Protein backbone atom coordinates (compact mmCIF):
# COMPACT_ATOMS: atom_id res chain seq x y z
CA MET A 1 -31.65 9.02 12.80
CA ASP A 2 -28.68 10.14 14.85
CA TYR A 3 -27.84 6.54 15.66
CA MET A 4 -27.55 5.76 11.95
CA ILE A 5 -25.28 8.75 11.34
CA TRP A 6 -22.99 7.99 14.28
CA GLY A 7 -22.99 4.26 13.58
CA GLY A 8 -22.10 4.94 9.97
CA ALA A 9 -19.35 7.32 11.02
CA ALA A 10 -17.94 4.64 13.32
CA LEU A 11 -18.03 2.08 10.48
CA THR A 12 -16.31 4.53 8.17
CA LEU A 13 -13.55 5.18 10.69
CA LEU A 14 -13.14 1.44 11.21
CA GLY A 15 -12.79 0.98 7.45
CA VAL A 16 -10.25 3.80 7.17
CA ALA A 17 -8.25 2.27 10.02
CA GLY A 18 -8.34 -1.03 8.14
CA LEU A 19 -7.05 0.68 5.02
CA LEU A 20 -4.19 2.23 6.97
CA TRP A 21 -3.39 -1.18 8.46
CA CYS A 22 -3.25 -2.60 4.92
CA VAL A 23 -0.69 0.05 4.00
CA VAL A 24 1.43 -0.95 6.99
CA LEU A 25 1.18 -4.64 6.11
CA GLY A 26 2.08 -3.92 2.49
CA VAL A 27 5.15 -1.91 3.43
CA GLN A 28 6.25 -4.63 5.86
CA ALA A 29 5.84 -7.28 3.16
CA LYS A 30 7.88 -5.25 0.67
CA ARG A 31 10.68 -4.57 3.19
CA ALA A 32 10.94 -8.15 4.41
CA ALA A 33 13.84 -10.10 3.00
CA LEU A 34 11.67 -12.91 1.68
CA PRO A 35 11.53 -14.77 -1.62
CA GLU A 36 9.38 -13.17 -4.29
CA THR A 37 6.71 -15.86 -4.08
CA GLU A 38 6.28 -15.29 -0.34
CA VAL A 39 6.02 -11.52 -0.85
CA LYS A 40 3.36 -12.06 -3.53
CA ALA A 41 1.40 -14.38 -1.23
CA ARG A 42 1.48 -11.81 1.57
CA LEU A 43 0.42 -9.01 -0.75
CA GLN A 44 -2.49 -11.10 -2.03
CA ARG A 45 -3.72 -11.46 1.56
CA VAL A 46 -3.31 -7.71 2.04
CA ILE A 47 -5.41 -7.11 -1.08
CA ALA A 48 -8.22 -9.23 0.37
CA LEU A 49 -8.08 -7.26 3.64
CA ASN A 50 -7.96 -4.02 1.67
CA LEU A 51 -11.15 -4.86 -0.22
CA GLY A 52 -12.90 -5.79 3.02
CA ALA A 53 -11.85 -2.53 4.69
CA LEU A 54 -12.98 -0.58 1.65
CA ALA A 55 -16.37 -2.30 1.73
CA ILE A 56 -16.80 -1.53 5.44
CA SER A 57 -15.91 2.10 4.83
CA ALA A 58 -18.36 2.34 1.93
CA LEU A 59 -21.17 0.80 4.00
CA GLY A 60 -20.46 3.32 6.74
CA LEU A 61 -20.63 6.22 4.31
CA MET A 62 -23.90 4.90 2.91
CA ALA A 63 -25.33 4.69 6.41
CA VAL A 64 -24.31 8.30 7.08
CA ILE A 65 -25.93 9.47 3.84
CA PHE A 66 -29.15 7.56 4.55
CA GLY A 67 -29.22 8.93 8.09
CA VAL A 68 -28.84 12.49 6.85
CA ILE A 69 -31.48 12.05 4.15
CA LEU A 70 -34.01 10.34 6.42
CA GLY A 71 -33.34 12.60 9.39
CA GLY A 72 -33.45 15.89 7.57
């Protein structure tokens, strides 16, 4: 079950990197000198990416837990 643990860890790290990228995109959207409607549109896209990254991270953590339970 090592492959499940390491694969899950890789998915979790990918999800965390996605979450960090969402923070960067959010800060860039807030700092940009754009009209309020454009900032809201960008932040809505960031929210969608954020939820996807969170889901990937959660799936990775579940894979790690299942790997530990089944392997031990």
